[in-house]
Protein backbone atom coordinates (compact mmCIF):
# COMPACT_ATOMS: atom_id res chain seq x y z
CA MET A 1 -1.70 2.71 -20.20
CA PRO A 2 -0.07 2.38 -16.76
CA SER A 3 2.14 -0.66 -16.42
CA PRO A 4 0.61 -3.42 -14.33
CA TYR A 5 4.13 -4.02 -13.04
CA GLY A 6 5.16 -0.56 -11.99
CA SER A 7 7.71 1.78 -13.37
CA SER A 8 11.21 0.42 -13.15
CA PRO A 9 13.70 -2.40 -13.57
CA ARG A 10 17.30 -2.37 -12.19
CA ALA A 11 20.92 -3.68 -12.64
CA ASP A 12 23.70 -5.83 -11.21
CA SER A 13 25.38 -9.10 -11.91
CA THR A 14 23.88 -12.29 -10.58
CA LEU A 15 22.45 -11.97 -7.08
CA LYS A 16 20.82 -14.70 -5.03
CA VAL A 17 17.11 -14.06 -4.50
CA ASN A 18 14.38 -15.48 -2.31
CA SER A 19 16.92 -16.14 0.44
CA ALA A 20 16.09 -15.71 4.10
CA ALA A 21 19.79 -14.89 4.77
CA PRO A 22 20.86 -11.24 4.79
CA LEU A 23 22.92 -9.99 1.93
CA ILE A 24 26.63 -10.22 2.75
CA GLN A 25 28.57 -6.97 2.82
CA SER A 26 31.96 -7.16 1.18
CA GLY A 27 34.90 -4.86 0.91
CA SER A 28 34.52 -4.48 -2.85
CA GLY A 29 32.89 -1.61 -4.60
CA SER A 30 29.77 -3.62 -5.31
CA GLY A 31 29.34 -4.34 -1.62
CA PHE A 32 27.65 -7.73 -1.98
CA ALA A 33 28.63 -11.35 -2.33
CA TYR A 34 26.97 -13.28 -5.16
CA SER A 35 25.66 -16.77 -5.17
CA PRO A 36 24.25 -17.70 -8.57
CA ARG A 37 22.09 -20.81 -8.88
CA GLU A 38 20.96 -23.20 -11.59
CA PRO A 39 18.99 -21.46 -14.34
CA GLY A 40 15.28 -21.62 -14.78
CA GLY A 41 13.69 -21.24 -11.40
CA LEU A 42 10.21 -20.26 -10.26
CA GLY A 43 9.15 -21.71 -6.96
CA HIS A 44 12.18 -24.06 -7.02
CA SER A 45 15.81 -23.75 -5.87
CA ARG A 46 16.80 -22.00 -9.07
CA SER A 47 16.31 -18.25 -9.25
CA TRP A 48 18.22 -16.95 -12.21
CA PHE A 49 17.19 -17.24 -15.83
CA ALA A 50 19.12 -17.47 -19.03
CA TYR A 51 18.22 -14.72 -21.49
CA GLU A 52 17.23 -17.32 -24.08
CA GLU A 53 14.69 -18.80 -21.60
CA LEU A 54 12.98 -15.45 -21.27
CA VAL A 55 13.00 -14.85 -25.04
CA VAL A 56 11.07 -18.08 -25.42
CA ALA A 57 8.79 -17.39 -22.50
CA THR A 58 7.72 -14.01 -23.84
CA ASN A 59 7.50 -15.09 -27.49
CA GLY A 60 10.51 -12.97 -28.37
CA PHE A 61 9.28 -10.03 -26.25
CA SER A 62 6.45 -9.64 -28.72
CA PRO A 63 4.07 -6.64 -28.64
CA GLU A 64 1.22 -9.06 -27.98
CA ASN A 65 2.89 -9.95 -24.66
CA LEU A 66 3.51 -6.33 -23.60
CA LEU A 67 1.81 -5.50 -20.33
CA GLY A 68 2.99 -1.93 -20.09
CA GLU A 69 5.87 0.49 -20.08
CA GLY A 70 7.30 2.09 -16.93
CA GLY A 71 9.97 4.73 -16.33
CA PHE A 72 12.88 2.38 -16.78
CA GLY A 73 11.62 -0.32 -19.14
CA TYR A 74 8.96 -2.66 -20.46
CA VAL A 75 7.00 -5.42 -18.79
CA TYR A 76 6.03 -8.61 -20.72
CA LYS A 77 3.82 -11.51 -19.84
CA GLY A 78 5.62 -14.83 -20.13
CA PHE A 79 4.89 -18.53 -19.92
CA LEU A 80 7.30 -21.14 -18.57
CA PRO A 81 7.49 -24.63 -20.04
CA ASP A 82 5.50 -26.03 -17.11
CA GLY A 83 2.67 -23.59 -17.86
CA ARG A 84 3.23 -21.11 -15.04
CA VAL A 85 2.82 -17.46 -15.82
CA ILE A 86 5.42 -14.75 -15.11
CA ALA A 87 5.92 -11.05 -15.69
CA VAL A 88 9.35 -10.06 -17.10
CA LYS A 89 10.54 -6.56 -16.62
CA GLN A 90 13.12 -5.60 -19.30
CA LEU A 91 15.35 -2.63 -18.61
CA LYS A 92 15.71 -0.07 -21.38
CA ILE A 93 19.20 -0.57 -22.77
CA GLY A 94 21.49 2.38 -22.16
CA SER A 95 19.69 3.62 -19.06
CA GLY A 96 22.47 3.96 -16.50
CA GLN A 97 20.01 5.15 -13.88
CA GLY A 98 17.90 2.06 -14.54
CA GLU A 99 20.93 -0.21 -13.98
CA ARG A 100 21.42 1.26 -10.50
CA GLU A 101 17.77 0.73 -9.78
CA PHE A 102 18.03 -2.88 -11.02
CA LYS A 103 20.61 -3.57 -8.33
CA ALA A 104 18.51 -1.83 -5.67
CA GLU A 105 15.47 -3.91 -6.53
CA VAL A 106 17.23 -7.22 -6.51
CA GLU A 107 18.83 -6.48 -3.17
CA ILE A 108 15.56 -5.41 -1.59
CA ILE A 109 12.82 -7.57 -3.10
CA SER A 110 14.80 -10.78 -2.59
CA ARG A 111 14.22 -10.36 1.15
CA ILE A 112 10.50 -9.68 1.06
CA HIS A 113 7.79 -12.29 1.54
CA HIS A 114 4.32 -10.97 2.24
CA ARG A 115 0.91 -11.66 0.79
CA HIS A 116 0.40 -7.97 -0.08
CA LEU A 117 3.69 -7.46 -1.84
CA VAL A 118 4.64 -8.64 -5.37
CA SER A 119 7.26 -11.36 -5.24
CA LEU A 120 10.45 -11.25 -7.24
CA VAL A 121 11.10 -14.81 -8.33
CA GLY A 122 14.20 -14.43 -10.48
CA TYR A 123 16.44 -12.29 -12.62
CA CYS A 124 18.62 -12.33 -15.67
CA VAL A 125 21.89 -10.59 -16.51
CA ALA A 126 23.26 -11.07 -20.04
CA ASP A 127 25.86 -8.61 -21.32
CA SER A 128 24.18 -5.20 -21.07
CA ARG A 129 20.74 -6.73 -20.59
CA ARG A 130 19.05 -6.54 -17.19
CA LEU A 131 15.75 -8.34 -16.55
CA LEU A 132 13.64 -9.08 -13.50
CA VAL A 133 11.11 -11.96 -13.25
CA TYR A 134 8.05 -11.49 -11.08
CA GLU A 135 5.06 -13.45 -10.13
CA TYR A 136 2.25 -12.53 -12.52
CA VAL A 137 -0.68 -10.74 -10.88
CA PRO A 138 -3.55 -11.15 -13.31
CA ASN A 139 -6.08 -8.41 -12.62
CA ASN A 140 -4.20 -5.20 -13.69
CA THR A 141 -3.72 -2.23 -11.35
CA LEU A 142 -5.83 -0.15 -9.00
CA TYR A 143 -5.33 2.78 -11.31
CA PHE A 144 -6.82 0.77 -14.19
CA HIS A 145 -9.92 -0.17 -12.22
CA LEU A 146 -10.47 3.31 -10.80
CA HIS A 147 -9.60 5.48 -13.81
CA GLY A 148 -9.64 3.26 -16.88
CA GLU A 149 -11.99 4.24 -19.65
CA ASP A 150 -15.39 2.43 -19.68
CA ARG A 151 -14.53 0.56 -16.44
CA PRO A 152 -17.42 -0.25 -14.10
CA PRO A 153 -17.10 1.49 -10.78
CA MET A 154 -15.44 -0.44 -7.98
CA ASN A 155 -17.86 -1.11 -5.22
CA TRP A 156 -17.21 0.15 -1.69
CA GLU A 157 -16.34 -3.20 -0.15
CA THR A 158 -13.66 -3.79 -2.78
CA ARG A 159 -12.19 -0.30 -2.27
CA VAL A 160 -11.82 -0.88 1.46
CA LYS A 161 -10.31 -4.33 0.86
CA VAL A 162 -7.73 -2.92 -1.58
CA ALA A 163 -6.83 -0.06 0.75
CA ALA A 164 -6.43 -2.37 3.76
CA GLY A 165 -4.25 -4.81 1.81
CA ALA A 166 -1.97 -2.12 0.44
CA ALA A 167 -1.68 -0.54 3.90
CA ARG A 168 -0.55 -3.91 5.33
CA GLY A 169 2.03 -4.38 2.60
CA LEU A 170 3.48 -0.93 3.09
CA ALA A 171 3.47 -1.25 6.88
CA TYR A 172 5.47 -4.47 6.47
CA LEU A 173 8.10 -2.59 4.49
CA HIS A 174 8.29 0.19 7.05
CA GLU A 175 8.04 -1.72 10.36
CA ASP A 176 8.86 -5.38 9.90
CA CYS A 177 11.92 -5.24 7.66
CA HIS A 178 15.39 -4.67 8.94
CA PRO A 179 16.74 -2.33 7.71
CA ARG A 180 13.39 -0.68 7.07
CA ILE A 181 12.39 0.00 3.48
CA ILE A 182 11.01 3.20 2.00
CA HIS A 183 9.10 2.52 -1.19
CA ARG A 184 9.40 6.04 -2.63
CA ASP A 185 6.85 5.60 -5.39
CA ILE A 186 3.52 4.61 -3.84
CA LYS A 187 0.68 5.24 -6.31
CA SER A 188 -2.41 3.48 -7.61
CA SER A 189 -0.63 2.15 -10.66
CA ASN A 190 1.87 0.38 -8.38
CA ILE A 191 -0.88 -1.52 -6.55
CA LEU A 192 -1.65 -4.71 -8.45
CA LEU A 193 -4.85 -6.72 -7.93
CA ASN A 194 -5.44 -10.45 -8.25
CA LYS A 195 -8.72 -11.96 -9.33
CA ASP A 196 -10.08 -11.66 -5.81
CA PHE A 197 -8.98 -8.01 -5.68
CA ASP A 198 -6.32 -8.71 -3.09
CA ALA A 199 -3.79 -5.86 -3.28
CA ARG A 200 -0.12 -6.43 -4.06
CA VAL A 201 2.24 -3.45 -3.70
CA SER A 202 4.70 -3.51 -6.56
CA ASP A 203 7.69 -1.70 -8.10
CA PHE A 204 10.42 -1.24 -5.60
CA GLY A 205 12.49 0.33 -8.37
CA LEU A 206 12.65 3.63 -6.50
CA ALA A 207 12.97 2.01 -3.05
CA LYS A 208 16.08 2.24 -0.95
CA LEU A 209 17.08 0.83 2.39
CA ALA A 210 16.86 3.49 5.08
CA LEU A 211 19.67 2.58 7.41
CA ASP A 212 19.27 3.20 11.14
CA ALA A 213 17.43 6.44 11.91
CA ASN A 214 19.13 8.60 9.30
CA THR A 215 17.06 10.25 6.56
CA HIS A 216 18.38 9.69 3.09
CA VAL A 217 18.81 12.75 0.96
CA THR A 218 19.13 12.20 -2.84
CA THR A 219 19.70 14.46 -5.74
CA ARG A 220 17.77 12.19 -8.13
CA VAL A 221 14.09 12.83 -8.61
CA MET A 222 12.03 10.09 -7.03
CA GLY A 223 8.30 9.43 -7.04
CA THR A 224 5.44 10.57 -9.23
CA PHE A 225 3.91 14.06 -9.47
CA GLY A 226 0.66 14.26 -7.57
CA TYR A 227 1.84 11.71 -5.00
CA MET A 228 5.01 13.40 -3.77
CA ALA A 229 5.04 14.73 -0.20
CA PRO A 230 5.66 18.50 0.12
CA GLU A 231 8.80 18.02 2.17
CA TYR A 232 10.44 16.10 -0.70
CA ALA A 233 9.69 18.83 -3.15
CA SER A 234 11.33 21.42 -0.85
CA SER A 235 14.19 19.49 0.70
CA GLY A 236 14.75 16.23 -1.18
CA LYS A 237 14.25 14.26 2.05
CA LEU A 238 12.36 10.99 1.93
CA THR A 239 11.24 9.07 4.97
CA GLU A 240 8.52 6.57 5.79
CA LYS A 241 6.23 9.55 6.27
CA SER A 242 6.73 10.47 2.59
CA ASP A 243 5.26 7.02 1.72
CA VAL A 244 2.44 7.74 4.16
CA TYR A 245 1.60 10.93 2.30
CA SER A 246 1.54 9.07 -1.04
CA PHE A 247 -0.68 6.41 0.48
CA GLY A 248 -3.02 9.14 1.64
CA VAL A 249 -3.34 10.22 -1.96
CA VAL A 250 -4.25 6.68 -2.94
CA LEU A 251 -6.92 6.69 -0.21
CA LEU A 252 -8.32 9.92 -1.69
CA GLU A 253 -8.44 8.26 -5.09
CA LEU A 254 -10.48 5.38 -3.59
CA ILE A 255 -12.83 7.75 -1.74
CA THR A 256 -13.40 10.27 -4.55
CA GLY A 257 -12.73 8.34 -7.76
CA ARG A 258 -10.56 11.28 -8.95
CA LYS A 259 -7.02 11.18 -10.35
CA PRO A 260 -4.20 12.72 -8.30
CA VAL A 261 -3.76 15.40 -10.91
CA ASP A 262 -6.53 16.04 -13.44
CA SER A 263 -6.15 18.89 -15.91
CA SER A 264 -9.79 18.46 -16.97
CA GLN A 265 -10.94 19.83 -13.59
CA PRO A 266 -11.69 23.53 -13.10
CA LEU A 267 -8.74 25.90 -12.57
CA GLY A 268 -7.47 25.46 -9.04
CA ASP A 269 -8.98 22.01 -8.56
CA GLU A 270 -6.48 20.03 -10.64
CA SER A 271 -4.67 18.76 -7.56
CA LEU A 272 -6.71 16.09 -5.77
CA VAL A 273 -5.15 16.82 -2.34
CA GLU A 274 -5.68 20.56 -2.48
CA TRP A 275 -9.25 20.15 -3.76
CA ALA A 276 -10.06 17.59 -1.05
CA ARG A 277 -8.57 19.32 1.99
CA PRO A 278 -11.60 21.58 2.85
CA LEU A 279 -13.99 18.75 1.96
CA LEU A 280 -12.14 16.38 4.31
CA ASN A 281 -12.49 18.87 7.15
CA HIS A 282 -16.17 19.33 6.42
CA ALA A 283 -16.79 15.58 6.30
CA ILE A 284 -15.02 15.00 9.59
CA ASP A 285 -16.95 17.82 11.26
CA THR A 286 -20.37 16.88 9.94
CA ALA A 287 -20.18 13.23 8.78
CA GLU A 288 -21.56 14.46 5.43
CA PHE A 289 -19.77 12.82 2.52
CA GLY A 290 -21.78 13.87 -0.52
CA ALA A 291 -19.30 16.42 -1.87
CA LEU A 292 -16.30 14.06 -1.31
CA ALA A 293 -17.50 10.57 -2.16
CA ASP A 294 -17.13 9.18 -5.69
CA PRO A 295 -20.50 9.94 -7.35
CA ARG A 296 -20.31 6.55 -9.12
CA LEU A 297 -20.83 4.91 -5.74
CA GLU A 298 -24.31 6.47 -5.67
CA ASN A 299 -24.00 6.66 -1.87
CA ASN A 300 -23.63 2.91 -1.62
CA PHE A 301 -21.07 2.84 1.14
CA VAL A 302 -20.92 2.13 4.85
CA GLU A 303 -20.93 5.52 6.51
CA SER A 304 -18.76 4.48 9.52
CA ASP A 305 -16.21 2.96 7.17
CA MET A 306 -16.26 6.06 4.99
CA PHE A 307 -15.74 8.23 8.08
CA ARG A 308 -12.72 6.24 9.13
CA MET A 309 -11.30 6.24 5.56
CA VAL A 310 -11.77 10.03 5.38
CA GLU A 311 -9.99 10.55 8.73
CA ALA A 312 -7.17 8.25 7.71
CA ALA A 313 -6.70 10.05 4.41
CA ALA A 314 -6.75 13.47 6.08
CA ALA A 315 -4.12 12.37 8.59
CA CYS A 316 -1.90 10.86 5.95
CA VAL A 317 -1.78 13.99 3.73
CA ARG A 318 -1.01 16.39 6.51
CA HIS A 319 1.51 18.95 5.40
CA SER A 320 3.76 18.34 8.37
CA ALA A 321 5.47 14.97 8.06
CA THR A 322 5.85 14.57 11.85
CA LYS A 323 2.08 14.83 12.28
CA ARG A 324 1.27 12.04 9.90
CA PRO A 325 0.60 8.57 11.36
CA ARG A 326 2.78 5.58 10.85
CA MET A 327 1.49 2.90 8.48
CA GLY A 328 1.04 0.53 11.42
CA GLN A 329 -1.47 3.02 12.85
CA VAL A 330 -3.30 3.23 9.52
CA VAL A 331 -3.52 -0.60 9.48
CA ARG A 332 -5.17 -0.46 12.91
CA VAL A 333 -7.83 1.85 11.50
CA PHE A 334 -8.71 -0.78 8.95
CA ASP A 335 -8.58 -3.46 11.63
CA SER A 336 -11.15 -1.45 13.60
CA MET A 337 -13.37 -1.34 10.50
CA ALA A 338 -13.22 -5.13 10.21
CA ALA A 339 -13.89 -5.59 13.92
CA ALA A 340 -17.00 -3.43 13.63
CA ASP A 341 -18.62 -5.97 11.26
CA ILE A 342 -19.83 -8.57 13.71
CA THR A 343 -23.07 -9.55 11.93
CA ASN A 344 -21.64 -12.69 10.28
CA GLY A 345 -24.25 -12.31 7.63
CA MET A 346 -27.21 -12.18 10.03
CA GLN A 347 -29.94 -9.75 9.13
CA MET A 348 -31.55 -7.35 11.59
CA GLY A 349 -34.25 -9.08 13.73
CA GLN A 350 -33.05 -12.61 12.98
CA SER A 351 -31.67 -13.23 16.48
CA GLU A 352 -34.27 -14.21 19.12
CA ILE A 353 -31.66 -14.52 21.86
CA PHE A 354 -29.73 -11.27 21.88
CA ASN A 355 -30.84 -7.69 21.84
CA SER A 356 -28.97 -6.04 18.96
CA ALA A 357 -29.07 -2.55 20.46
CA GLU A 358 -27.63 -3.89 23.70
CA GLN A 359 -24.88 -5.69 21.81
CA SER A 360 -23.99 -2.47 19.95
CA ALA A 361 -23.88 -0.61 23.20
CA GLU A 362 -21.57 -3.20 24.74
CA LEU A 363 -19.31 -3.06 21.75
CA ARG A 364 -19.00 0.71 22.05
CA LEU A 365 -18.21 0.39 25.72
CA TYR A 366 -15.52 -2.16 25.07
CA ARG A 367 -13.95 0.10 22.43
CA ARG A 368 -13.87 3.04 24.81
CA MET A 369 -12.30 0.84 27.47
CA ALA A 370 -9.73 -0.47 24.96
CA PHE A 371 -8.87 3.00 23.70
CA GLY A 372 -8.28 4.33 27.20
CA SER A 373 -11.39 6.42 27.74
CA HIS A 374 -12.71 6.43 31.33
CA ASN A 375 -15.92 8.15 30.44
CA TYR A 376 -18.22 5.15 30.70
CA SER A 377 -20.55 3.49 33.16
CA THR A 378 -22.78 0.49 33.48
CA ASP A 379 -25.77 2.81 33.08
CA TYR A 380 -24.93 2.85 29.40
CA PHE A 381 -26.37 -0.65 29.10
CA THR A 382 -29.37 -0.35 31.41
CA ASP A 383 -31.07 2.81 30.28
CA SER A 384 -33.23 1.95 27.29
CA SER A 385 -35.40 5.07 27.26
CA PRO A 386 -36.02 6.80 23.96
CA VAL A 387 -34.09 9.87 25.13
CA HIS A 388 -31.09 7.74 26.06
CA SER A 389 -31.26 5.89 22.75
CA GLN A 390 -31.28 9.18 20.88
CA ALA A 391 -28.26 10.34 22.89
CA ARG A 392 -26.42 7.16 21.98
CA HIS A 393 -27.20 7.67 18.29
CA ALA A 394 -26.12 11.30 18.47
CA ARG A 395 -22.86 10.32 20.04
CA SER A 396 -21.97 7.71 17.45
CA HIS A 397 -20.26 10.25 15.11
CA SER A 398 -18.19 11.67 17.94
CA ASP A 399 -17.35 8.16 19.19
CA LEU A 400 -16.03 7.26 15.76
CA HIS A 401 -14.01 10.47 15.64
CA ARG A 402 -12.44 9.82 19.04
CA GLU A 403 -11.63 6.22 18.25
CA THR A 404 -10.04 6.89 14.88
CA THR A 405 -8.20 9.96 16.14
CA HIS A 406 -6.82 7.96 19.06
CA ILE A 407 -5.46 5.32 16.72
CA LEU A 408 -3.93 7.81 14.25
CA GLU A 409 -2.49 10.11 16.89
CA LEU A 410 -1.13 7.33 19.16
CA ASP A 411 2.60 7.51 19.86
CA LEU A 412 3.25 10.35 17.39
CA GLU A 413 5.63 11.75 19.90
CA CYS A 414 7.62 8.55 19.65
CA ASP A 415 8.10 8.62 15.90
CA ASN A 416 11.71 9.61 16.16
CA GLN A 417 12.48 6.90 18.71
CA PRO A 418 13.72 3.35 17.84
CA MET A 419 10.94 0.99 16.81
CA GLU A 420 9.46 -0.79 19.76
CA ARG A 421 9.33 -4.06 17.90
CA LYS A 422 12.58 -6.05 17.82
CA ARG A 423 13.53 -6.72 14.20
CA ASN A 424 16.83 -8.48 14.35
CA SER A 425 16.22 -10.86 11.49
CA PRO A 426 15.86 -10.14 7.77
CA CYS A 427 12.27 -9.45 6.76
CA GLY A 428 12.19 -12.59 4.67
CA SER A 429 12.43 -14.68 7.82
CA HIS A 430 9.32 -13.25 9.43
CA SER A 431 6.01 -14.95 9.01
CA SER A 432 3.76 -12.84 6.78
CA PRO A 433 1.20 -10.75 8.61
CA GLN A 434 -2.26 -11.44 7.28
């Protein structure tokens, strides 16, 4: 069973968390100044826990409270005396690698405040024990809902909602944090869901701060097989574009319902990305999704949304990292999907004031204007002949392709330039994008 709280805890002595202030560099080997607080906090001024408190909260770390096991430790559900629910990640004793990751996670997650990221609310250090305390997200993981045995299929609207939320959380790490943050282990089991199926990206255990414009090269294996970008396998380099690739695999999971690696598939089709590549190209060329879409959806999806999801996934899993979009561009694709839904619950034919075909034509014109196309005229509105209507319908697929391509290709030549947005404050001080 995949852990609902990701795959790794980390280590340090007491570090202040949930602070808007940047961590203070020191001249010591640890590199950080510590500021421990009163024990017992969740949502209050206290952010570190005594080990005995967590023993009580988790009923002695009993098997009944076990949520899952990750690469570095176990995750337990816990209850504080005031009734609030927490998730406690307990590092496996003796894992030196896990202790380093513990420190990395406390340093990073303490700065992060966003509705689509799991919040670290406290920590505990007691002798050799290292524990992290998270907000509890009650509805398991995306992996569980997509691939769990005897699970009902996720409907299309929920899949789009989860993808959009996870994209926003990851974009926040990449583009709104200073220094920027590379997750390094994006996968469906690290996307938690609440009861409303709002996505929360979790497990920054493999994340590191990417300072300035330099690419970090590491000798330790990061990530999960099936999600790792090809450049990492060949060079060990990890950038934001490596996360983008992994997110593209998650999009393919949502589109197809298949696992990233599935040994039960025919020989040669075990890898989701390699199996999907020719089908993605075919779907983009023809707007036919039958061979690619999850059969459990039974074709119950919005074709324009599916088209945009397919194009986004295809762009994210490009072999060349420099040709992949930034996460901010992927978020704009989902924004365009939301903007396209202007019905407000009104059924066709209910409006006696506006002509729906004319409104759709106007919307397409505005989109082309916004995306920089000069191939438009006022005749687009006035010609209502059947021939012209058929031409409009025939062009809808190419319009979608141009719009999505424009979003995903925009500013690719600027990827190696400094971010245009000024990010001089720690990410915790930003207001959370919605």
